[in-house]
Amino acid sequence: MSNADAFTQAGKTAVLQNIQGTLQFLQRFPPFNQMEHAHLAYLVEQCQLRFYGPGESIIKPADGPVEHFYIVKQGRVVGERPHSAKGGTETTFEITTGECFPLAALLGERATRTEHLAAEDTFAYSSISWRSSSYSPFPTRFATLPCAV
């Protein structure tokens, strides 16, 4: 088993060992608190808990069309885009505990336009692959609820 496979399995095991605690955590935040219990339980069962160190890229435009949905469990994620006038990059948003991303890219079936970076030690749930599943964890009706784009 490769190191990547071992980390993936460890993240999956961490979630499965605490399904009830993860459900209770998510039910504190929209849109999860508006989901049917069976759908939320299915989402939790498919998640992996991942750790990202400060400055580590979680997802970026060069990764191509987005396939995973992320929910911040602990920490902070910032979105950075190139600044055309000044050069360099600018922070366009901050995502914290209970918030999710990149909903707009998932619904649009495209790459994200922003690089999402861990601003500090961050734990995030990574969902099942969006395209390879017949189950979409967030139907279009949830697109108007507060999730980061």
N, C-alpha and C. Protein backbone atom coordinates (compact mmCIF):
# COMPACT_ATOMS: atom_id res chain seq x y z
N MET A 1 0.85 -1.18 0.00
CA MET A 1 0.00 0.00 0.00
C MET A 1 0.90 1.24 0.00
N SER A 2 0.61 2.18 -0.90
CA SER A 2 1.40 3.41 -0.97
C SER A 2 1.05 4.32 0.20
N ASN A 3 1.89 5.34 0.42
CA ASN A 3 1.61 6.30 1.48
C ASN A 3 0.30 7.03 1.23
N ALA A 4 0.04 7.40 -0.03
CA ALA A 4 -1.20 8.10 -0.37
C ALA A 4 -2.41 7.22 -0.04
N ASP A 5 -2.32 5.95 -0.39
CA ASP A 5 -3.42 5.02 -0.09
C ASP A 5 -3.61 4.86 1.41
N ALA A 6 -2.51 4.82 2.14
CA ALA A 6 -2.58 4.67 3.59
C ALA A 6 -3.25 5.90 4.23
N PHE A 7 -2.91 7.11 3.76
CA PHE A 7 -3.53 8.32 4.28
C PHE A 7 -5.02 8.36 3.94
N THR A 8 -5.36 7.96 2.73
CA THR A 8 -6.76 7.93 2.32
C THR A 8 -7.55 6.97 3.21
N GLN A 9 -7.01 5.79 3.43
CA GLN A 9 -7.69 4.80 4.27
C GLN A 9 -7.81 5.30 5.71
N ALA A 10 -6.77 5.94 6.22
CA ALA A 10 -6.82 6.46 7.58
C ALA A 10 -7.90 7.53 7.71
N GLY A 11 -8.03 8.41 6.71
CA GLY A 11 -9.06 9.45 6.73
C GLY A 11 -10.45 8.86 6.68
N LYS A 12 -10.63 7.83 5.88
CA LYS A 12 -11.93 7.15 5.78
C LYS A 12 -12.26 6.47 7.11
N THR A 13 -11.29 5.80 7.70
CA THR A 13 -11.48 5.12 8.97
C THR A 13 -11.85 6.11 10.07
N ALA A 14 -11.19 7.27 10.08
CA ALA A 14 -11.48 8.29 11.10
C ALA A 14 -12.94 8.72 11.06
N VAL A 15 -13.49 8.89 9.87
CA VAL A 15 -14.89 9.30 9.73
C VAL A 15 -15.81 8.17 10.15
N LEU A 16 -15.54 6.96 9.67
CA LEU A 16 -16.42 5.82 9.97
C LEU A 16 -16.46 5.50 11.46
N GLN A 17 -15.38 5.74 12.16
CA GLN A 17 -15.35 5.45 13.59
C GLN A 17 -16.19 6.45 14.39
N ASN A 18 -16.52 7.57 13.78
CA ASN A 18 -17.27 8.58 14.50
C ASN A 18 -18.40 9.15 13.64
N ILE A 19 -19.19 8.28 13.04
CA ILE A 19 -20.28 8.73 12.17
C ILE A 19 -21.25 9.62 12.93
N GLN A 20 -21.66 9.20 14.12
CA GLN A 20 -22.63 9.99 14.89
C GLN A 20 -22.09 11.38 15.22
N GLY A 21 -20.83 11.45 15.64
CA GLY A 21 -20.23 12.74 15.95
C GLY A 21 -20.13 13.64 14.72
N THR A 22 -19.81 13.04 13.56
CA THR A 22 -19.73 13.81 12.32
C THR A 22 -21.11 14.31 11.90
N LEU A 23 -22.12 13.46 12.04
CA LEU A 23 -23.49 13.89 11.74
C LEU A 23 -23.90 15.07 12.62
N GLN A 24 -23.62 14.97 13.91
CA GLN A 24 -23.98 16.06 14.83
C GLN A 24 -23.23 17.34 14.49
N PHE A 25 -21.96 17.21 14.12
CA PHE A 25 -21.18 18.38 13.72
C PHE A 25 -21.81 19.06 12.51
N LEU A 26 -22.09 18.29 11.46
CA LEU A 26 -22.62 18.86 10.22
C LEU A 26 -24.01 19.46 10.41
N GLN A 27 -24.82 18.87 11.29
CA GLN A 27 -26.18 19.37 11.50
C GLN A 27 -26.21 20.74 12.17
N ARG A 28 -25.07 21.25 12.58
CA ARG A 28 -24.99 22.59 13.16
C ARG A 28 -24.92 23.67 12.08
N PHE A 29 -24.72 23.27 10.81
CA PHE A 29 -24.46 24.23 9.74
C PHE A 29 -25.37 24.01 8.53
N PRO A 30 -25.79 25.14 7.88
CA PRO A 30 -26.49 24.98 6.61
C PRO A 30 -25.48 24.59 5.53
N PRO A 31 -25.85 23.88 4.53
CA PRO A 31 -27.16 23.34 4.23
C PRO A 31 -27.41 21.98 4.87
N PHE A 32 -26.44 21.49 5.62
CA PHE A 32 -26.54 20.15 6.21
C PHE A 32 -27.71 20.02 7.17
N ASN A 33 -28.01 21.10 7.89
CA ASN A 33 -29.12 21.05 8.85
C ASN A 33 -30.48 21.04 8.16
N GLN A 34 -30.50 21.15 6.84
CA GLN A 34 -31.75 21.11 6.08
C GLN A 34 -31.86 19.84 5.23
N MET A 35 -30.87 18.96 5.35
CA MET A 35 -30.89 17.72 4.57
C MET A 35 -31.63 16.62 5.31
N GLU A 36 -32.22 15.72 4.54
CA GLU A 36 -32.84 14.54 5.14
C GLU A 36 -31.73 13.72 5.80
N HIS A 37 -32.07 13.10 6.93
CA HIS A 37 -31.08 12.34 7.69
C HIS A 37 -30.40 11.26 6.84
N ALA A 38 -31.17 10.55 6.03
CA ALA A 38 -30.60 9.47 5.21
C ALA A 38 -29.57 10.00 4.21
N HIS A 39 -29.85 11.17 3.62
CA HIS A 39 -28.90 11.76 2.67
C HIS A 39 -27.63 12.23 3.37
N LEU A 40 -27.80 12.84 4.54
CA LEU A 40 -26.65 13.31 5.30
C LEU A 40 -25.81 12.12 5.77
N ALA A 41 -26.46 11.07 6.22
CA ALA A 41 -25.73 9.88 6.66
C ALA A 41 -24.95 9.27 5.50
N TYR A 42 -25.55 9.23 4.32
CA TYR A 42 -24.85 8.70 3.14
C TYR A 42 -23.63 9.56 2.82
N LEU A 43 -23.79 10.87 2.87
CA LEU A 43 -22.66 11.77 2.62
C LEU A 43 -21.53 11.50 3.60
N VAL A 44 -21.87 11.40 4.88
CA VAL A 44 -20.85 11.17 5.91
C VAL A 44 -20.13 9.84 5.68
N GLU A 45 -20.87 8.82 5.32
CA GLU A 45 -20.25 7.51 5.08
C GLU A 45 -19.27 7.53 3.91
N GLN A 46 -19.44 8.47 3.00
CA GLN A 46 -18.57 8.55 1.82
C GLN A 46 -17.40 9.51 2.01
N CYS A 47 -17.37 10.22 3.11
CA CYS A 47 -16.33 11.25 3.33
C CYS A 47 -15.03 10.66 3.86
N GLN A 48 -13.98 11.42 3.61
CA GLN A 48 -12.66 11.16 4.20
C GLN A 48 -12.24 12.43 4.93
N LEU A 49 -11.61 12.27 6.07
CA LEU A 49 -11.08 13.41 6.80
C LEU A 49 -9.64 13.61 6.36
N ARG A 50 -9.33 14.83 5.93
CA ARG A 50 -7.97 15.10 5.44
C ARG A 50 -7.38 16.29 6.19
N PHE A 51 -6.06 16.25 6.33
CA PHE A 51 -5.33 17.33 6.99
C PHE A 51 -4.54 18.10 5.95
N TYR A 52 -4.54 19.44 6.10
CA TYR A 52 -3.75 20.31 5.22
C TYR A 52 -2.96 21.27 6.11
N GLY A 53 -1.66 21.33 5.90
CA GLY A 53 -0.81 22.24 6.65
C GLY A 53 -0.89 23.66 6.09
N PRO A 54 -0.43 24.65 6.86
CA PRO A 54 -0.48 26.04 6.41
C PRO A 54 0.19 26.21 5.04
N GLY A 55 -0.52 26.88 4.14
CA GLY A 55 0.01 27.14 2.80
C GLY A 55 -0.20 26.00 1.81
N GLU A 56 -0.69 24.87 2.28
CA GLU A 56 -0.88 23.72 1.39
C GLU A 56 -2.10 23.94 0.49
N SER A 57 -1.94 23.64 -0.78
CA SER A 57 -3.02 23.78 -1.74
C SER A 57 -4.00 22.61 -1.60
N ILE A 58 -5.27 22.95 -1.49
CA ILE A 58 -6.32 21.93 -1.38
C ILE A 58 -6.87 21.63 -2.78
N ILE A 59 -7.14 22.68 -3.52
CA ILE A 59 -7.62 22.54 -4.89
C ILE A 59 -7.26 23.82 -5.64
N LYS A 60 -6.96 23.68 -6.93
CA LYS A 60 -6.56 24.84 -7.74
C LYS A 60 -7.07 24.67 -9.17
N PRO A 61 -7.13 25.76 -9.93
CA PRO A 61 -7.65 25.69 -11.30
C PRO A 61 -6.94 24.65 -12.18
N ALA A 62 -5.65 24.49 -12.00
CA ALA A 62 -4.88 23.55 -12.83
C ALA A 62 -5.27 22.09 -12.59
N ASP A 63 -6.00 21.83 -11.51
CA ASP A 63 -6.45 20.45 -11.23
C ASP A 63 -7.54 19.99 -12.19
N GLY A 64 -8.11 20.91 -12.94
CA GLY A 64 -9.17 20.55 -13.88
C GLY A 64 -10.53 20.54 -13.23
N PRO A 65 -11.53 19.98 -13.93
CA PRO A 65 -12.89 19.98 -13.38
C PRO A 65 -12.94 19.36 -11.98
N VAL A 66 -13.64 20.04 -11.10
CA VAL A 66 -13.75 19.62 -9.70
C VAL A 66 -14.53 18.33 -9.59
N GLU A 67 -14.01 17.43 -8.76
CA GLU A 67 -14.69 16.15 -8.55
C GLU A 67 -15.06 15.91 -7.09
N HIS A 68 -14.51 16.69 -6.17
CA HIS A 68 -14.78 16.48 -4.75
C HIS A 68 -15.33 17.74 -4.11
N PHE A 69 -16.07 17.52 -3.07
CA PHE A 69 -16.70 18.58 -2.30
C PHE A 69 -16.01 18.58 -0.93
N TYR A 70 -15.68 19.74 -0.41
CA TYR A 70 -14.95 19.85 0.85
C TYR A 70 -15.78 20.59 1.88
N ILE A 71 -15.66 20.15 3.13
CA ILE A 71 -16.33 20.78 4.26
C ILE A 71 -15.27 21.00 5.33
N VAL A 72 -15.09 22.23 5.77
CA VAL A 72 -14.07 22.53 6.77
C VAL A 72 -14.56 22.07 8.14
N LYS A 73 -13.79 21.18 8.75
CA LYS A 73 -14.09 20.71 10.11
C LYS A 73 -13.41 21.62 11.13
N GLN A 74 -12.19 21.99 10.84
CA GLN A 74 -11.41 22.82 11.77
C GLN A 74 -10.36 23.56 10.96
N GLY A 75 -10.14 24.81 11.27
CA GLY A 75 -9.13 25.58 10.57
C GLY A 75 -9.73 26.65 9.68
N ARG A 76 -8.92 27.06 8.70
CA ARG A 76 -9.32 28.16 7.83
C ARG A 76 -8.71 27.96 6.46
N VAL A 77 -9.51 28.22 5.43
CA VAL A 77 -9.09 28.09 4.04
C VAL A 77 -9.25 29.46 3.40
N VAL A 78 -8.26 29.88 2.61
CA VAL A 78 -8.38 31.14 1.88
C VAL A 78 -8.38 30.85 0.38
N GLY A 79 -9.09 31.72 -0.33
CA GLY A 79 -9.10 31.63 -1.79
C GLY A 79 -8.20 32.70 -2.35
N GLU A 80 -7.30 32.30 -3.23
CA GLU A 80 -6.39 33.26 -3.84
C GLU A 80 -6.48 33.19 -5.36
N ARG A 81 -6.48 34.38 -5.97
CA ARG A 81 -6.51 34.50 -7.43
C ARG A 81 -5.38 35.43 -7.85
N PRO A 82 -4.89 35.23 -9.08
CA PRO A 82 -3.88 36.16 -9.60
C PRO A 82 -4.49 37.57 -9.67
N HIS A 83 -3.69 38.57 -9.32
CA HIS A 83 -4.13 39.96 -9.40
C HIS A 83 -3.57 40.54 -10.69
N SER A 84 -4.44 40.78 -11.64
CA SER A 84 -3.98 41.19 -12.98
C SER A 84 -3.31 42.56 -13.00
N ALA A 85 -3.79 43.50 -12.22
CA ALA A 85 -3.23 44.85 -12.25
C ALA A 85 -1.92 44.97 -11.47
N LYS A 86 -1.86 44.38 -10.30
CA LYS A 86 -0.70 44.52 -9.43
C LYS A 86 0.31 43.38 -9.58
N GLY A 87 -0.10 42.30 -10.21
CA GLY A 87 0.76 41.12 -10.22
C GLY A 87 0.61 40.40 -8.88
N GLY A 88 1.15 39.24 -8.78
CA GLY A 88 1.01 38.46 -7.54
C GLY A 88 -0.40 37.93 -7.39
N THR A 89 -0.79 37.66 -6.15
CA THR A 89 -2.13 37.13 -5.89
C THR A 89 -2.84 37.97 -4.85
N GLU A 90 -4.15 37.83 -4.80
CA GLU A 90 -4.94 38.50 -3.77
C GLU A 90 -5.89 37.48 -3.16
N THR A 91 -6.14 37.63 -1.86
CA THR A 91 -7.08 36.76 -1.17
C THR A 91 -8.48 37.26 -1.47
N THR A 92 -9.32 36.38 -1.99
CA THR A 92 -10.67 36.78 -2.39
C THR A 92 -11.73 36.34 -1.39
N PHE A 93 -11.45 35.34 -0.55
CA PHE A 93 -12.40 34.92 0.47
C PHE A 93 -11.71 34.05 1.50
N GLU A 94 -12.43 33.85 2.62
CA GLU A 94 -11.99 32.98 3.70
C GLU A 94 -13.12 32.01 4.02
N ILE A 95 -12.78 30.77 4.24
CA ILE A 95 -13.77 29.74 4.57
C ILE A 95 -13.36 29.15 5.92
N THR A 96 -14.33 29.02 6.83
CA THR A 96 -14.01 28.51 8.16
C THR A 96 -14.92 27.32 8.51
N THR A 97 -14.86 26.93 9.74
CA THR A 97 -15.56 25.74 10.25
C THR A 97 -17.02 25.69 9.80
N GLY A 98 -17.38 24.54 9.23
CA GLY A 98 -18.75 24.29 8.80
C GLY A 98 -19.08 24.75 7.40
N GLU A 99 -18.18 25.50 6.80
CA GLU A 99 -18.44 25.99 5.44
C GLU A 99 -17.90 24.99 4.42
N CYS A 100 -18.46 25.06 3.22
CA CYS A 100 -18.12 24.09 2.20
C CYS A 100 -17.69 24.78 0.91
N PHE A 101 -16.97 24.04 0.10
CA PHE A 101 -16.48 24.57 -1.17
C PHE A 101 -16.11 23.41 -2.08
N PRO A 102 -15.95 23.58 -3.34
CA PRO A 102 -16.27 24.69 -4.25
C PRO A 102 -17.59 24.42 -4.96
N LEU A 103 -18.68 24.85 -4.39
CA LEU A 103 -20.01 24.53 -4.89
C LEU A 103 -20.24 25.02 -6.32
N ALA A 104 -19.87 26.26 -6.62
CA ALA A 104 -20.11 26.80 -7.97
C ALA A 104 -19.39 25.98 -9.03
N ALA A 105 -18.16 25.59 -8.76
CA ALA A 105 -17.41 24.79 -9.73
C ALA A 105 -18.04 23.41 -9.90
N LEU A 106 -18.51 22.82 -8.81
CA LEU A 106 -19.16 21.51 -8.91
C LEU A 106 -20.45 21.58 -9.72
N LEU A 107 -21.29 22.55 -9.40
CA LEU A 107 -22.55 22.68 -10.12
C LEU A 107 -22.32 23.04 -11.58
N GLY A 108 -21.26 23.82 -11.85
CA GLY A 108 -20.94 24.20 -13.22
C GLY A 108 -20.13 23.16 -13.96
N GLU A 109 -19.75 22.07 -13.25
CA GLU A 109 -18.94 21.00 -13.83
C GLU A 109 -17.69 21.56 -14.52
N ARG A 110 -16.97 22.38 -13.77
CA ARG A 110 -15.77 23.05 -14.29
C ARG A 110 -14.69 23.08 -13.21
N ALA A 111 -13.54 23.57 -13.60
CA ALA A 111 -12.46 23.78 -12.63
C ALA A 111 -12.81 24.99 -11.76
N THR A 112 -12.26 25.01 -10.57
CA THR A 112 -12.42 26.19 -9.73
C THR A 112 -11.60 27.33 -10.35
N ARG A 113 -12.00 28.55 -10.10
CA ARG A 113 -11.26 29.70 -10.63
C ARG A 113 -10.28 30.25 -9.61
N THR A 114 -10.32 29.66 -8.43
CA THR A 114 -9.54 30.15 -7.30
C THR A 114 -8.75 29.01 -6.69
N GLU A 115 -7.51 29.29 -6.28
CA GLU A 115 -6.76 28.28 -5.54
C GLU A 115 -7.20 28.36 -4.08
N HIS A 116 -7.55 27.22 -3.53
CA HIS A 116 -7.96 27.12 -2.13
C HIS A 116 -6.77 26.61 -1.33
N LEU A 117 -6.31 27.43 -0.39
CA LEU A 117 -5.13 27.11 0.41
C LEU A 117 -5.48 27.06 1.90
N ALA A 118 -4.86 26.14 2.61
CA ALA A 118 -5.00 26.11 4.07
C ALA A 118 -4.26 27.31 4.63
N ALA A 119 -4.96 28.15 5.38
CA ALA A 119 -4.33 29.33 5.98
C ALA A 119 -3.65 28.99 7.30
N GLU A 120 -4.02 27.85 7.85
CA GLU A 120 -3.47 27.35 9.12
C GLU A 120 -3.71 25.84 9.11
N ASP A 121 -3.30 25.15 10.15
CA ASP A 121 -3.59 23.72 10.21
C ASP A 121 -5.09 23.53 10.03
N THR A 122 -5.47 22.75 9.03
CA THR A 122 -6.88 22.61 8.67
C THR A 122 -7.25 21.15 8.44
N PHE A 123 -8.39 20.77 9.01
CA PHE A 123 -8.97 19.46 8.75
C PHE A 123 -10.23 19.71 7.92
N ALA A 124 -10.38 18.95 6.85
CA ALA A 124 -11.56 19.08 6.00
C ALA A 124 -12.05 17.71 5.58
N TYR A 125 -13.37 17.59 5.49
CA TYR A 125 -13.96 16.37 4.94
C TYR A 125 -13.94 16.51 3.43
N SER A 126 -13.56 15.46 2.76
CA SER A 126 -13.59 15.41 1.31
C SER A 126 -14.65 14.40 0.93
N SER A 127 -15.60 14.82 0.10
CA SER A 127 -16.72 13.94 -0.25
C SER A 127 -16.35 12.96 -1.35
N ILE A 128 -17.30 12.11 -1.62
CA ILE A 128 -17.20 11.17 -2.73
C ILE A 128 -16.99 11.94 -4.02
N SER A 129 -16.48 11.26 -5.00
CA SER A 129 -16.30 11.88 -6.30
C SER A 129 -17.66 12.29 -6.84
N TRP A 130 -17.78 13.52 -7.20
CA TRP A 130 -19.05 14.08 -7.67
C TRP A 130 -19.54 13.40 -8.93
N ARG A 131 -18.67 13.24 -9.91
CA ARG A 131 -19.09 12.71 -11.20
C ARG A 131 -19.25 11.20 -11.23
N SER A 132 -18.50 10.50 -10.40
CA SER A 132 -18.55 9.04 -10.47
C SER A 132 -19.68 8.45 -9.64
N SER A 133 -20.45 9.29 -9.01
CA SER A 133 -21.52 8.81 -8.14
C SER A 133 -22.88 9.15 -8.73
N SER A 134 -23.82 8.27 -8.54
CA SER A 134 -25.19 8.56 -8.96
C SER A 134 -25.87 9.45 -7.93
N TYR A 135 -25.22 9.63 -6.79
CA TYR A 135 -25.77 10.45 -5.72
C TYR A 135 -25.07 11.79 -5.70
N SER A 136 -25.81 12.85 -5.83
CA SER A 136 -25.26 14.20 -5.70
C SER A 136 -25.57 14.67 -4.29
N PRO A 137 -24.54 14.91 -3.47
CA PRO A 137 -24.81 15.24 -2.07
C PRO A 137 -25.58 16.54 -1.88
N PHE A 138 -25.51 17.42 -2.84
CA PHE A 138 -26.20 18.69 -2.71
C PHE A 138 -27.00 18.99 -3.95
N PRO A 139 -28.28 18.61 -3.93
CA PRO A 139 -29.12 18.91 -5.09
C PRO A 139 -29.10 20.41 -5.38
N THR A 140 -29.47 20.76 -6.58
CA THR A 140 -29.44 22.15 -7.02
C THR A 140 -30.20 23.06 -6.07
N ARG A 141 -31.22 22.55 -5.39
CA ARG A 141 -31.99 23.42 -4.48
C ARG A 141 -31.12 23.97 -3.36
N PHE A 142 -29.99 23.32 -3.05
CA PHE A 142 -29.11 23.81 -2.01
C PHE A 142 -28.15 24.87 -2.51
N ALA A 143 -28.15 25.15 -3.81
CA ALA A 143 -27.21 26.11 -4.38
C ALA A 143 -27.40 27.50 -3.82
N THR A 144 -28.58 27.81 -3.31
CA THR A 144 -28.83 29.15 -2.77
C THR A 144 -28.48 29.26 -1.29
N LEU A 145 -28.10 28.16 -0.67
CA LEU A 145 -27.75 28.19 0.75
C LEU A 145 -26.29 28.58 0.92
N PRO A 146 -25.90 29.06 2.10
CA PRO A 146 -24.56 29.62 2.30
C PRO A 146 -23.42 28.59 2.27
N CYS A 147 -22.87 28.40 1.13
CA CYS A 147 -21.64 27.63 0.94
C CYS A 147 -20.72 28.51 0.13
N ALA A 148 -19.44 28.39 0.35
CA ALA A 148 -18.49 29.20 -0.42
C ALA A 148 -18.40 28.71 -1.84
N VAL A 149 -18.21 29.62 -2.76
CA VAL A 149 -18.05 29.27 -4.16
C VAL A 149 -16.59 29.30 -4.47
